[in-house]
N, C-alpha and C. Protein backbone atom coordinates (compact mmCIF):
# COMPACT_ATOMS: atom_id res chain seq x y z
N MET A 1 7.44 9.87 -13.72
CA MET A 1 7.92 8.48 -13.70
C MET A 1 7.37 7.75 -14.92
N ASN A 2 8.07 7.86 -16.05
CA ASN A 2 7.50 7.37 -17.28
C ASN A 2 7.45 5.85 -17.38
N GLU A 3 8.21 5.14 -16.57
CA GLU A 3 8.17 3.68 -16.65
C GLU A 3 7.27 3.08 -15.57
N SER A 4 6.63 3.92 -14.82
CA SER A 4 5.75 3.46 -13.75
C SER A 4 4.30 3.71 -14.11
N LYS A 5 3.43 2.87 -13.55
CA LYS A 5 1.99 3.06 -13.73
C LYS A 5 1.31 3.35 -12.39
N VAL A 6 2.12 3.78 -11.42
CA VAL A 6 1.58 3.96 -10.08
C VAL A 6 0.75 5.24 -9.95
N GLU A 7 1.04 6.24 -10.76
CA GLU A 7 0.29 7.49 -10.71
C GLU A 7 -0.81 7.45 -11.77
N VAL A 8 -2.03 7.32 -11.31
CA VAL A 8 -3.18 7.13 -12.20
C VAL A 8 -3.93 8.45 -12.36
N THR A 9 -4.26 8.77 -13.61
CA THR A 9 -4.97 10.03 -13.87
C THR A 9 -6.08 9.80 -14.89
N GLY A 10 -6.87 10.85 -15.13
CA GLY A 10 -7.87 10.83 -16.18
C GLY A 10 -8.99 9.84 -15.95
N PHE A 11 -9.46 9.22 -17.04
CA PHE A 11 -10.58 8.29 -16.99
C PHE A 11 -10.30 7.15 -16.01
N GLU A 12 -9.09 6.61 -16.06
CA GLU A 12 -8.74 5.49 -15.18
C GLU A 12 -8.86 5.88 -13.72
N ALA A 13 -8.45 7.09 -13.38
CA ALA A 13 -8.54 7.55 -12.00
C ALA A 13 -9.99 7.78 -11.57
N ARG A 14 -10.78 8.38 -12.47
CA ARG A 14 -12.17 8.69 -12.13
C ARG A 14 -13.01 7.43 -11.93
N HIS A 15 -12.62 6.34 -12.56
CA HIS A 15 -13.40 5.10 -12.48
C HIS A 15 -12.55 3.95 -11.90
N TYR A 16 -11.61 4.31 -11.05
CA TYR A 16 -10.60 3.35 -10.59
C TYR A 16 -11.22 2.15 -9.88
N ASP A 17 -12.08 2.38 -8.94
CA ASP A 17 -12.68 1.28 -8.18
C ASP A 17 -13.47 0.34 -9.09
N THR A 18 -14.27 0.93 -9.98
CA THR A 18 -15.07 0.11 -10.90
C THR A 18 -14.19 -0.72 -11.82
N LEU A 19 -13.14 -0.12 -12.34
CA LEU A 19 -12.23 -0.84 -13.23
C LEU A 19 -11.55 -2.01 -12.53
N LEU A 20 -11.16 -1.81 -11.28
CA LEU A 20 -10.56 -2.91 -10.52
C LEU A 20 -11.55 -4.05 -10.34
N ASN A 21 -12.78 -3.72 -10.05
CA ASN A 21 -13.81 -4.75 -9.88
C ASN A 21 -14.01 -5.55 -11.16
N VAL A 22 -14.05 -4.84 -12.29
CA VAL A 22 -14.29 -5.50 -13.58
C VAL A 22 -13.10 -6.36 -13.98
N LEU A 23 -11.89 -5.79 -13.90
CA LEU A 23 -10.69 -6.50 -14.33
C LEU A 23 -10.40 -7.73 -13.47
N SER A 24 -10.82 -7.68 -12.21
CA SER A 24 -10.61 -8.82 -11.31
C SER A 24 -11.77 -9.81 -11.34
N LEU A 25 -12.74 -9.56 -12.23
CA LEU A 25 -13.95 -10.40 -12.32
C LEU A 25 -14.67 -10.50 -10.98
N GLY A 26 -14.69 -9.40 -10.27
CA GLY A 26 -15.41 -9.33 -9.00
C GLY A 26 -14.67 -9.85 -7.80
N SER A 27 -13.43 -10.30 -8.00
CA SER A 27 -12.70 -10.92 -6.88
C SER A 27 -11.96 -9.91 -6.01
N TYR A 28 -11.83 -8.67 -6.50
CA TYR A 28 -11.01 -7.70 -5.76
C TYR A 28 -11.63 -7.34 -4.41
N ILE A 29 -12.93 -7.15 -4.37
CA ILE A 29 -13.57 -6.74 -3.11
C ILE A 29 -13.37 -7.78 -2.01
N PRO A 30 -13.71 -9.06 -2.23
CA PRO A 30 -13.46 -10.03 -1.16
C PRO A 30 -11.98 -10.18 -0.85
N PHE A 31 -11.12 -10.07 -1.86
CA PHE A 31 -9.67 -10.16 -1.61
C PHE A 31 -9.20 -9.05 -0.70
N ILE A 32 -9.57 -7.81 -0.99
CA ILE A 32 -9.06 -6.70 -0.20
C ILE A 32 -9.66 -6.71 1.21
N LYS A 33 -10.91 -7.13 1.33
CA LYS A 33 -11.50 -7.26 2.67
C LYS A 33 -10.75 -8.30 3.48
N ASN A 34 -10.42 -9.41 2.86
CA ASN A 34 -9.67 -10.47 3.54
C ASN A 34 -8.29 -9.96 3.96
N ALA A 35 -7.61 -9.27 3.05
CA ALA A 35 -6.28 -8.76 3.36
C ALA A 35 -6.32 -7.76 4.52
N ILE A 36 -7.25 -6.83 4.50
CA ILE A 36 -7.35 -5.84 5.58
C ILE A 36 -7.66 -6.52 6.91
N SER A 37 -8.42 -7.61 6.86
CA SER A 37 -8.75 -8.32 8.10
C SER A 37 -7.53 -8.97 8.75
N LYS A 38 -6.45 -9.15 7.97
CA LYS A 38 -5.22 -9.75 8.49
C LYS A 38 -4.34 -8.72 9.19
N ILE A 39 -4.66 -7.46 9.02
CA ILE A 39 -3.92 -6.40 9.73
C ILE A 39 -4.47 -6.33 11.15
N ASP A 40 -3.60 -6.32 12.12
CA ASP A 40 -4.03 -6.33 13.52
C ASP A 40 -4.51 -4.94 13.94
N LEU A 41 -5.64 -4.53 13.40
CA LEU A 41 -6.15 -3.19 13.66
C LEU A 41 -6.81 -3.12 15.03
N GLN A 42 -6.49 -2.05 15.75
CA GLN A 42 -7.03 -1.83 17.09
C GLN A 42 -7.84 -0.53 17.10
N PRO A 43 -8.84 -0.42 17.99
CA PRO A 43 -9.73 0.75 17.97
C PRO A 43 -9.02 2.10 18.06
N ASN A 44 -7.89 2.17 18.77
CA ASN A 44 -7.22 3.45 18.97
C ASN A 44 -6.05 3.67 18.01
N ASP A 45 -5.91 2.83 17.02
CA ASP A 45 -4.79 2.95 16.08
C ASP A 45 -4.83 4.27 15.31
N ARG A 46 -3.64 4.80 15.08
CA ARG A 46 -3.46 5.90 14.14
C ARG A 46 -2.73 5.30 12.94
N ILE A 47 -3.34 5.41 11.76
CA ILE A 47 -2.87 4.67 10.58
C ILE A 47 -2.48 5.64 9.47
N LEU A 48 -1.35 5.34 8.83
CA LEU A 48 -0.89 6.10 7.67
C LEU A 48 -1.10 5.24 6.43
N ASP A 49 -1.94 5.71 5.51
CA ASP A 49 -2.27 4.99 4.28
C ASP A 49 -1.56 5.69 3.12
N LEU A 50 -0.42 5.14 2.71
CA LEU A 50 0.44 5.80 1.72
C LEU A 50 0.02 5.40 0.31
N GLY A 51 -0.22 6.41 -0.53
CA GLY A 51 -0.74 6.14 -1.86
C GLY A 51 -2.15 5.61 -1.77
N CYS A 52 -2.98 6.31 -1.00
CA CYS A 52 -4.30 5.81 -0.59
C CYS A 52 -5.33 5.78 -1.69
N GLY A 53 -5.06 6.49 -2.80
CA GLY A 53 -6.00 6.48 -3.92
C GLY A 53 -7.38 6.98 -3.55
N THR A 54 -8.40 6.24 -3.95
CA THR A 54 -9.79 6.67 -3.74
C THR A 54 -10.26 6.48 -2.31
N GLY A 55 -9.47 5.81 -1.49
CA GLY A 55 -9.85 5.59 -0.10
C GLY A 55 -10.55 4.29 0.19
N ARG A 56 -10.54 3.37 -0.77
CA ARG A 56 -11.24 2.09 -0.54
C ARG A 56 -10.63 1.34 0.65
N ASN A 57 -9.32 1.26 0.72
CA ASN A 57 -8.69 0.56 1.84
C ASN A 57 -8.94 1.29 3.16
N SER A 58 -8.88 2.61 3.11
CA SER A 58 -9.14 3.39 4.32
C SER A 58 -10.56 3.16 4.82
N CYS A 59 -11.51 3.03 3.90
CA CYS A 59 -12.89 2.73 4.29
C CYS A 59 -12.97 1.43 5.08
N LEU A 60 -12.28 0.42 4.59
CA LEU A 60 -12.30 -0.88 5.27
C LEU A 60 -11.60 -0.80 6.62
N MET A 61 -10.49 -0.09 6.69
CA MET A 61 -9.76 0.02 7.96
C MET A 61 -10.54 0.84 8.97
N ALA A 62 -11.24 1.87 8.51
CA ALA A 62 -11.98 2.75 9.42
C ALA A 62 -13.04 1.99 10.21
N LYS A 63 -13.55 0.90 9.64
CA LYS A 63 -14.58 0.11 10.33
C LYS A 63 -14.06 -0.56 11.59
N TYR A 64 -12.75 -0.71 11.69
CA TYR A 64 -12.15 -1.34 12.86
C TYR A 64 -11.80 -0.34 13.96
N LEU A 65 -11.89 0.95 13.64
CA LEU A 65 -11.44 1.98 14.57
C LEU A 65 -12.57 2.49 15.45
N GLY A 66 -12.18 2.91 16.66
CA GLY A 66 -13.10 3.59 17.55
C GLY A 66 -12.99 5.08 17.38
N GLU A 67 -13.64 5.83 18.27
CA GLU A 67 -13.67 7.29 18.12
C GLU A 67 -12.29 7.93 18.32
N ASN A 68 -11.37 7.20 18.96
CA ASN A 68 -10.03 7.73 19.17
C ASN A 68 -9.02 7.26 18.12
N GLY A 69 -9.46 6.41 17.22
CA GLY A 69 -8.60 5.98 16.12
C GLY A 69 -8.67 6.99 14.97
N SER A 70 -7.67 6.95 14.10
CA SER A 70 -7.66 7.91 12.99
C SER A 70 -6.84 7.36 11.82
N ILE A 71 -7.09 7.92 10.65
CA ILE A 71 -6.38 7.55 9.43
C ILE A 71 -5.96 8.82 8.71
N VAL A 72 -4.71 8.82 8.25
CA VAL A 72 -4.21 9.88 7.38
C VAL A 72 -3.83 9.22 6.05
N GLY A 73 -4.52 9.59 4.99
CA GLY A 73 -4.19 9.10 3.66
C GLY A 73 -3.30 10.08 2.94
N LEU A 74 -2.39 9.56 2.11
CA LEU A 74 -1.51 10.41 1.32
C LEU A 74 -1.66 10.06 -0.16
N ASP A 75 -1.87 11.07 -0.99
CA ASP A 75 -1.93 10.86 -2.43
C ASP A 75 -1.72 12.21 -3.10
N ILE A 76 -1.43 12.18 -4.41
CA ILE A 76 -1.20 13.43 -5.14
C ILE A 76 -2.15 13.59 -6.32
N GLY A 77 -2.93 12.55 -6.63
CA GLY A 77 -3.83 12.62 -7.78
C GLY A 77 -5.09 13.39 -7.47
N LYS A 78 -5.38 14.42 -8.28
CA LYS A 78 -6.55 15.27 -8.04
C LYS A 78 -7.83 14.45 -8.01
N GLU A 79 -8.00 13.55 -8.99
CA GLU A 79 -9.23 12.75 -9.05
C GLU A 79 -9.34 11.81 -7.86
N MET A 80 -8.20 11.24 -7.46
CA MET A 80 -8.19 10.33 -6.31
C MET A 80 -8.55 11.07 -5.03
N ILE A 81 -7.95 12.22 -4.84
CA ILE A 81 -8.21 13.01 -3.63
C ILE A 81 -9.69 13.40 -3.55
N GLU A 82 -10.27 13.79 -4.67
CA GLU A 82 -11.69 14.17 -4.67
C GLU A 82 -12.58 13.00 -4.25
N GLN A 83 -12.27 11.79 -4.75
CA GLN A 83 -13.06 10.62 -4.39
C GLN A 83 -12.88 10.26 -2.92
N PHE A 84 -11.64 10.36 -2.44
CA PHE A 84 -11.37 10.09 -1.02
C PHE A 84 -12.17 11.05 -0.14
N GLU A 85 -12.10 12.34 -0.45
CA GLU A 85 -12.79 13.34 0.38
C GLU A 85 -14.30 13.13 0.36
N LYS A 86 -14.83 12.71 -0.77
CA LYS A 86 -16.27 12.45 -0.85
C LYS A 86 -16.65 11.27 0.04
N LYS A 87 -15.83 10.23 0.04
CA LYS A 87 -16.12 9.06 0.87
C LYS A 87 -16.12 9.41 2.36
N PHE A 88 -15.25 10.33 2.75
CA PHE A 88 -15.04 10.58 4.18
C PHE A 88 -15.50 11.96 4.63
N GLU A 89 -16.42 12.58 3.91
CA GLU A 89 -16.84 13.93 4.28
C GLU A 89 -17.52 13.97 5.65
N ASN A 90 -18.03 12.83 6.13
CA ASN A 90 -18.67 12.80 7.45
C ASN A 90 -17.85 12.03 8.48
N TYR A 91 -16.54 11.87 8.21
CA TYR A 91 -15.65 11.15 9.13
C TYR A 91 -14.53 12.09 9.58
N PRO A 92 -14.70 12.75 10.71
CA PRO A 92 -13.69 13.72 11.16
C PRO A 92 -12.35 13.09 11.52
N ASN A 93 -12.31 11.79 11.74
CA ASN A 93 -11.06 11.14 12.13
C ASN A 93 -10.31 10.54 10.93
N VAL A 94 -10.78 10.84 9.72
CA VAL A 94 -10.10 10.36 8.51
C VAL A 94 -9.85 11.56 7.60
N GLU A 95 -8.60 11.71 7.16
CA GLU A 95 -8.24 12.84 6.30
C GLU A 95 -7.27 12.39 5.22
N ILE A 96 -7.15 13.21 4.18
CA ILE A 96 -6.17 12.97 3.13
C ILE A 96 -5.32 14.21 2.97
N GLN A 97 -4.01 14.00 2.74
CA GLN A 97 -3.09 15.09 2.52
C GLN A 97 -2.42 14.91 1.16
N ASN A 98 -2.28 15.99 0.44
CA ASN A 98 -1.67 15.98 -0.89
C ASN A 98 -0.15 16.01 -0.72
N LEU A 99 0.43 14.83 -0.56
CA LEU A 99 1.87 14.71 -0.34
C LEU A 99 2.42 13.53 -1.12
N ARG A 100 3.60 13.70 -1.70
CA ARG A 100 4.29 12.59 -2.34
C ARG A 100 4.90 11.70 -1.27
N ILE A 101 4.77 10.41 -1.44
CA ILE A 101 5.31 9.49 -0.44
C ILE A 101 6.79 9.21 -0.67
N ASP A 102 7.33 9.62 -1.84
CA ASP A 102 8.74 9.40 -2.15
C ASP A 102 9.58 10.66 -1.95
N GLU A 103 9.04 11.60 -1.19
CA GLU A 103 9.77 12.78 -0.76
C GLU A 103 9.63 12.91 0.75
N PRO A 104 10.50 13.64 1.43
CA PRO A 104 10.43 13.74 2.90
C PRO A 104 9.03 14.10 3.38
N LEU A 105 8.58 13.39 4.42
CA LEU A 105 7.24 13.60 4.97
C LEU A 105 7.32 14.24 6.35
N PRO A 106 6.30 15.02 6.73
CA PRO A 106 6.34 15.78 7.98
C PRO A 106 5.80 15.01 9.19
N PHE A 107 6.15 13.73 9.32
CA PHE A 107 5.64 12.91 10.42
C PHE A 107 6.81 12.27 11.16
N GLU A 108 6.66 12.17 12.47
CA GLU A 108 7.68 11.51 13.28
C GLU A 108 7.03 10.89 14.52
N ASP A 109 7.22 9.58 14.67
CA ASP A 109 6.70 8.83 15.84
C ASP A 109 5.20 9.07 16.05
N GLU A 110 4.42 9.10 14.97
CA GLU A 110 3.00 9.44 15.08
C GLU A 110 2.06 8.26 14.89
N PHE A 111 2.49 7.24 14.16
CA PHE A 111 1.55 6.23 13.69
C PHE A 111 1.83 4.84 14.26
N ASP A 112 0.75 4.12 14.51
CA ASP A 112 0.86 2.74 14.98
C ASP A 112 1.06 1.77 13.81
N LYS A 113 0.46 2.10 12.67
CA LYS A 113 0.53 1.23 11.51
C LYS A 113 0.59 2.08 10.24
N ALA A 114 1.25 1.51 9.23
CA ALA A 114 1.32 2.15 7.91
C ALA A 114 1.03 1.10 6.86
N LEU A 115 0.30 1.49 5.82
CA LEU A 115 -0.07 0.58 4.75
C LEU A 115 0.41 1.10 3.41
N LEU A 116 1.09 0.21 2.65
CA LEU A 116 1.43 0.44 1.25
C LEU A 116 0.71 -0.62 0.44
N SER A 117 -0.35 -0.26 -0.23
CA SER A 117 -1.17 -1.24 -0.95
C SER A 117 -1.04 -1.05 -2.46
N PHE A 118 -0.32 -1.96 -3.10
CA PHE A 118 -0.11 -1.96 -4.55
C PHE A 118 0.40 -0.61 -5.05
N VAL A 119 1.32 -0.05 -4.29
CA VAL A 119 1.98 1.21 -4.63
C VAL A 119 3.49 1.01 -4.72
N PHE A 120 4.02 0.23 -3.81
CA PHE A 120 5.47 0.12 -3.61
C PHE A 120 6.18 -0.37 -4.88
N HIS A 121 5.59 -1.32 -5.59
CA HIS A 121 6.27 -1.91 -6.75
C HIS A 121 6.46 -0.92 -7.90
N GLY A 122 5.75 0.19 -7.88
CA GLY A 122 5.78 1.12 -8.99
C GLY A 122 6.82 2.21 -8.88
N PHE A 123 7.73 2.12 -7.89
CA PHE A 123 8.76 3.13 -7.72
C PHE A 123 10.15 2.55 -8.00
N PRO A 124 11.07 3.38 -8.50
CA PRO A 124 12.46 2.93 -8.64
C PRO A 124 13.06 2.60 -7.28
N ASN A 125 14.14 1.84 -7.28
CA ASN A 125 14.72 1.35 -6.02
C ASN A 125 15.14 2.48 -5.09
N ASP A 126 15.71 3.56 -5.64
CA ASP A 126 16.13 4.65 -4.74
C ASP A 126 14.93 5.31 -4.09
N LYS A 127 13.81 5.38 -4.82
CA LYS A 127 12.59 5.95 -4.24
C LYS A 127 11.98 4.99 -3.21
N LYS A 128 12.08 3.70 -3.45
CA LYS A 128 11.57 2.72 -2.48
C LYS A 128 12.25 2.91 -1.13
N GLU A 129 13.56 3.11 -1.15
CA GLU A 129 14.27 3.32 0.11
C GLU A 129 13.80 4.58 0.81
N ILE A 130 13.58 5.65 0.05
CA ILE A 130 13.07 6.88 0.65
C ILE A 130 11.70 6.64 1.29
N ILE A 131 10.84 5.91 0.59
CA ILE A 131 9.49 5.62 1.11
C ILE A 131 9.57 4.86 2.42
N VAL A 132 10.40 3.81 2.44
CA VAL A 132 10.49 3.00 3.66
C VAL A 132 11.10 3.81 4.81
N ARG A 133 12.08 4.62 4.52
CA ARG A 133 12.67 5.44 5.59
C ARG A 133 11.67 6.49 6.08
N ASN A 134 10.83 7.00 5.18
CA ASN A 134 9.74 7.88 5.60
C ASN A 134 8.80 7.17 6.57
N VAL A 135 8.46 5.92 6.22
CA VAL A 135 7.56 5.13 7.07
C VAL A 135 8.20 4.87 8.42
N LYS A 136 9.46 4.49 8.42
CA LYS A 136 10.15 4.20 9.68
C LYS A 136 10.13 5.40 10.61
N LYS A 137 10.38 6.58 10.04
CA LYS A 137 10.35 7.81 10.84
C LYS A 137 8.95 8.11 11.35
N ALA A 138 7.94 7.86 10.51
CA ALA A 138 6.56 8.19 10.88
C ALA A 138 5.98 7.24 11.92
N LEU A 139 6.45 5.99 11.94
CA LEU A 139 5.92 5.00 12.87
C LEU A 139 6.48 5.20 14.28
N LYS A 140 5.66 4.86 15.25
CA LYS A 140 6.15 4.77 16.62
C LYS A 140 7.09 3.57 16.72
N PRO A 141 8.04 3.56 17.66
CA PRO A 141 8.86 2.37 17.87
C PRO A 141 7.96 1.15 18.11
N GLY A 142 8.20 0.09 17.37
CA GLY A 142 7.35 -1.09 17.48
C GLY A 142 6.12 -1.05 16.61
N GLY A 143 5.86 0.09 15.94
CA GLY A 143 4.76 0.17 15.00
C GLY A 143 5.03 -0.73 13.80
N ALA A 144 4.01 -0.96 12.99
CA ALA A 144 4.13 -1.96 11.92
C ALA A 144 3.83 -1.38 10.55
N LEU A 145 4.68 -1.73 9.61
CA LEU A 145 4.46 -1.46 8.19
C LEU A 145 3.83 -2.69 7.55
N TYR A 146 2.77 -2.48 6.78
CA TYR A 146 2.14 -3.56 6.03
C TYR A 146 2.26 -3.25 4.54
N ILE A 147 2.88 -4.15 3.80
CA ILE A 147 3.01 -4.00 2.36
C ILE A 147 2.12 -5.04 1.69
N LEU A 148 1.05 -4.58 1.07
CA LEU A 148 0.17 -5.46 0.30
C LEU A 148 0.53 -5.27 -1.17
N ASP A 149 1.12 -6.31 -1.76
CA ASP A 149 1.66 -6.16 -3.10
C ASP A 149 1.95 -7.56 -3.66
N TYR A 150 2.69 -7.59 -4.77
CA TYR A 150 3.08 -8.88 -5.32
C TYR A 150 4.05 -9.60 -4.39
N ASN A 151 3.96 -10.90 -4.39
CA ASN A 151 4.93 -11.74 -3.72
C ASN A 151 6.18 -11.81 -4.59
N GLU A 152 7.23 -12.41 -4.08
CA GLU A 152 8.43 -12.66 -4.88
C GLU A 152 8.27 -13.98 -5.63
N PHE A 153 8.43 -13.95 -6.96
CA PHE A 153 8.35 -15.18 -7.74
C PHE A 153 9.06 -14.99 -9.07
N ASP A 154 9.35 -16.10 -9.72
CA ASP A 154 10.02 -16.09 -11.02
C ASP A 154 8.96 -15.98 -12.11
N LEU A 155 8.84 -14.81 -12.69
CA LEU A 155 7.80 -14.57 -13.69
C LEU A 155 7.94 -15.52 -14.88
N GLU A 156 9.17 -15.83 -15.25
CA GLU A 156 9.39 -16.67 -16.43
C GLU A 156 8.96 -18.11 -16.23
N LYS A 157 8.72 -18.51 -14.99
CA LYS A 157 8.25 -19.87 -14.72
C LYS A 157 6.73 -19.97 -14.65
N LYS A 158 6.07 -18.82 -14.79
CA LYS A 158 4.61 -18.82 -14.78
C LYS A 158 4.08 -19.16 -16.18
N PRO A 159 2.82 -19.61 -16.25
CA PRO A 159 2.24 -19.93 -17.56
C PRO A 159 2.32 -18.75 -18.53
N TYR A 160 2.38 -19.06 -19.81
CA TYR A 160 2.56 -18.05 -20.85
C TYR A 160 1.50 -16.95 -20.77
N ILE A 161 0.24 -17.33 -20.59
CA ILE A 161 -0.84 -16.35 -20.55
C ILE A 161 -0.66 -15.39 -19.38
N PHE A 162 -0.25 -15.93 -18.22
CA PHE A 162 -0.01 -15.08 -17.05
C PHE A 162 1.13 -14.10 -17.33
N ARG A 163 2.23 -14.62 -17.90
CA ARG A 163 3.37 -13.75 -18.20
C ARG A 163 2.99 -12.63 -19.16
N LYS A 164 2.24 -13.00 -20.17
CA LYS A 164 1.82 -12.02 -21.18
C LYS A 164 0.95 -10.94 -20.55
N ALA A 165 -0.01 -11.35 -19.74
CA ALA A 165 -0.92 -10.40 -19.10
C ALA A 165 -0.18 -9.50 -18.12
N PHE A 166 0.73 -10.09 -17.34
CA PHE A 166 1.48 -9.32 -16.35
C PHE A 166 2.31 -8.23 -17.03
N LYS A 167 3.00 -8.60 -18.10
CA LYS A 167 3.86 -7.64 -18.78
C LYS A 167 3.06 -6.55 -19.48
N LYS A 168 1.85 -6.88 -19.89
CA LYS A 168 0.99 -5.88 -20.54
C LYS A 168 0.40 -4.91 -19.52
N ILE A 169 -0.03 -5.46 -18.38
CA ILE A 169 -0.71 -4.65 -17.37
C ILE A 169 0.27 -3.85 -16.53
N GLU A 170 1.38 -4.49 -16.16
CA GLU A 170 2.30 -3.87 -15.22
C GLU A 170 3.51 -3.24 -15.90
N CYS A 171 4.15 -2.32 -15.16
CA CYS A 171 5.32 -1.62 -15.67
C CYS A 171 6.58 -2.45 -15.45
N PRO A 172 7.67 -2.12 -16.14
CA PRO A 172 8.94 -2.84 -15.93
C PRO A 172 9.40 -2.84 -14.47
N LEU A 173 9.09 -1.79 -13.74
CA LEU A 173 9.47 -1.73 -12.33
C LEU A 173 8.82 -2.86 -11.53
N ALA A 174 7.61 -3.22 -11.89
CA ALA A 174 6.93 -4.32 -11.20
C ALA A 174 7.63 -5.64 -11.46
N GLN A 175 8.13 -5.83 -12.69
CA GLN A 175 8.87 -7.05 -13.00
C GLN A 175 10.15 -7.14 -12.16
N ASP A 176 10.82 -6.02 -11.99
CA ASP A 176 12.03 -6.00 -11.15
C ASP A 176 11.69 -6.27 -9.69
N TYR A 177 10.54 -5.77 -9.26
CA TYR A 177 10.11 -5.92 -7.86
C TYR A 177 10.01 -7.39 -7.46
N LEU A 178 9.59 -8.24 -8.38
CA LEU A 178 9.39 -9.66 -8.09
C LEU A 178 10.68 -10.37 -7.73
N LYS A 179 11.81 -9.80 -8.15
CA LYS A 179 13.10 -10.48 -8.00
C LYS A 179 13.81 -10.17 -6.69
N VAL A 180 13.25 -9.26 -5.91
CA VAL A 180 13.92 -8.79 -4.69
C VAL A 180 13.40 -9.54 -3.46
N THR A 181 14.31 -9.93 -2.57
CA THR A 181 13.92 -10.52 -1.29
C THR A 181 13.67 -9.36 -0.33
N TRP A 182 12.42 -8.98 -0.19
CA TRP A 182 12.10 -7.73 0.49
C TRP A 182 12.32 -7.79 2.00
N LYS A 183 12.23 -8.94 2.58
CA LYS A 183 12.52 -9.02 4.02
C LYS A 183 13.97 -8.65 4.31
N GLU A 184 14.88 -9.11 3.45
CA GLU A 184 16.29 -8.76 3.64
C GLU A 184 16.50 -7.25 3.50
N LYS A 185 15.85 -6.66 2.51
CA LYS A 185 15.95 -5.21 2.33
C LYS A 185 15.42 -4.48 3.56
N LEU A 186 14.27 -4.92 4.05
CA LEU A 186 13.64 -4.23 5.19
C LEU A 186 14.47 -4.38 6.45
N ILE A 187 15.11 -5.51 6.62
CA ILE A 187 16.02 -5.67 7.77
C ILE A 187 17.11 -4.61 7.70
N GLY A 188 17.67 -4.41 6.51
CA GLY A 188 18.71 -3.40 6.34
C GLY A 188 18.22 -1.99 6.60
N TRP A 189 16.93 -1.78 6.48
CA TRP A 189 16.35 -0.46 6.73
C TRP A 189 15.76 -0.33 8.13
N GLY A 190 16.05 -1.32 8.99
CA GLY A 190 15.67 -1.19 10.40
C GLY A 190 14.36 -1.81 10.81
N PHE A 191 13.85 -2.77 10.01
CA PHE A 191 12.60 -3.46 10.36
C PHE A 191 12.89 -4.90 10.79
N GLU A 192 11.94 -5.49 11.51
CA GLU A 192 12.14 -6.83 12.08
C GLU A 192 10.78 -7.49 12.32
N ASN A 193 10.82 -8.73 12.84
CA ASN A 193 9.61 -9.45 13.26
C ASN A 193 8.55 -9.50 12.15
N PHE A 194 8.84 -10.25 11.13
CA PHE A 194 7.98 -10.30 9.95
C PHE A 194 6.86 -11.32 10.08
N ASP A 195 5.79 -11.04 9.35
CA ASP A 195 4.69 -11.99 9.22
C ASP A 195 4.16 -11.87 7.80
N GLU A 196 3.61 -12.95 7.25
CA GLU A 196 3.17 -12.95 5.87
C GLU A 196 1.84 -13.67 5.72
N HIS A 197 1.01 -13.16 4.82
CA HIS A 197 -0.21 -13.83 4.39
C HIS A 197 -0.24 -13.79 2.87
N TYR A 198 -0.65 -14.91 2.26
CA TYR A 198 -0.60 -15.04 0.80
C TYR A 198 -2.01 -15.13 0.23
N PHE A 199 -2.13 -14.66 -1.03
CA PHE A 199 -3.41 -14.64 -1.74
C PHE A 199 -3.18 -15.01 -3.20
N TYR A 200 -4.26 -15.42 -3.87
CA TYR A 200 -4.19 -15.75 -5.30
C TYR A 200 -3.03 -16.71 -5.59
N ARG A 201 -3.03 -17.84 -4.88
CA ARG A 201 -2.02 -18.88 -5.09
C ARG A 201 -0.61 -18.34 -4.92
N ARG A 202 -0.44 -17.51 -3.90
CA ARG A 202 0.85 -16.95 -3.51
C ARG A 202 1.39 -15.91 -4.50
N ILE A 203 0.53 -15.41 -5.38
CA ILE A 203 0.94 -14.33 -6.27
C ILE A 203 0.98 -13.01 -5.52
N MET A 204 0.05 -12.81 -4.60
CA MET A 204 -0.02 -11.60 -3.78
C MET A 204 0.36 -11.93 -2.34
N ARG A 205 0.86 -10.92 -1.65
CA ARG A 205 1.29 -11.12 -0.26
C ARG A 205 1.03 -9.87 0.57
N LEU A 206 0.61 -10.08 1.80
CA LEU A 206 0.59 -9.03 2.81
C LEU A 206 1.78 -9.29 3.72
N LEU A 207 2.76 -8.40 3.65
CA LEU A 207 3.99 -8.54 4.44
C LEU A 207 3.97 -7.53 5.58
N LYS A 208 4.08 -8.04 6.79
CA LYS A 208 4.15 -7.17 7.98
C LYS A 208 5.60 -7.09 8.43
N ALA A 209 6.05 -5.86 8.76
CA ALA A 209 7.39 -5.63 9.27
C ALA A 209 7.32 -4.61 10.39
N GLU A 210 7.86 -4.96 11.55
CA GLU A 210 7.80 -4.05 12.70
C GLU A 210 8.99 -3.08 12.70
N ASN A 211 8.70 -1.87 13.14
CA ASN A 211 9.73 -0.85 13.26
C ASN A 211 10.66 -1.21 14.41
N GLY A 212 11.93 -1.47 14.11
CA GLY A 212 12.91 -1.86 15.13
C GLY A 212 13.57 -0.66 15.77
N ASN A 213 14.70 -0.90 16.40
CA ASN A 213 15.43 0.18 17.08
C ASN A 213 15.92 1.19 16.06
N ARG A 214 15.92 2.45 16.48
CA ARG A 214 16.38 3.51 15.60
C ARG A 214 17.87 3.39 15.35
N LYS A 215 18.28 3.73 14.13
CA LYS A 215 19.70 3.71 13.77
C LYS A 215 20.23 5.13 13.64
């Protein structure tokens, strides 16, 4: 995916958590903790963490789970998988599988919740549909998808410095992502009962969508 920056490798992958902390001027940790706290996590939840990276989000979610709760992370980056496994070597209820999230997944009616955290915007539209349909199949009826990503906004109306930084940091796919009304798309893919939480002056959003009736 040459126009995407969603697949991180090399130095950036090996130091991913540290780089996020530095680039966000230390704000990423409290932000992500706040966002995860908005997910209605229950002790017995089975959670699918798609594009889980180093496992930072899974670490935060695992704190809400009891001994019968579990997390399955999905990623394909060698460096990311190694960091995830190191974090969870003493957690038998948390695992990572080397699977692409934009190809058919081997799960059906297994999960109470699924998380896409700053991954979704980096895929082309046809791949986004595959990802969401994978999630719908993997979730139990009434289970919830949580998308933590950019909110919808007009990039050209933002201050010049913000626009310049966004275009430098993010891929063209992210710019396209901002223009889509994602609730309407998700309704078309069989989701309903939405809830939203906003961060960074409504630049970021946690969007919850419940798995509706099967089509």
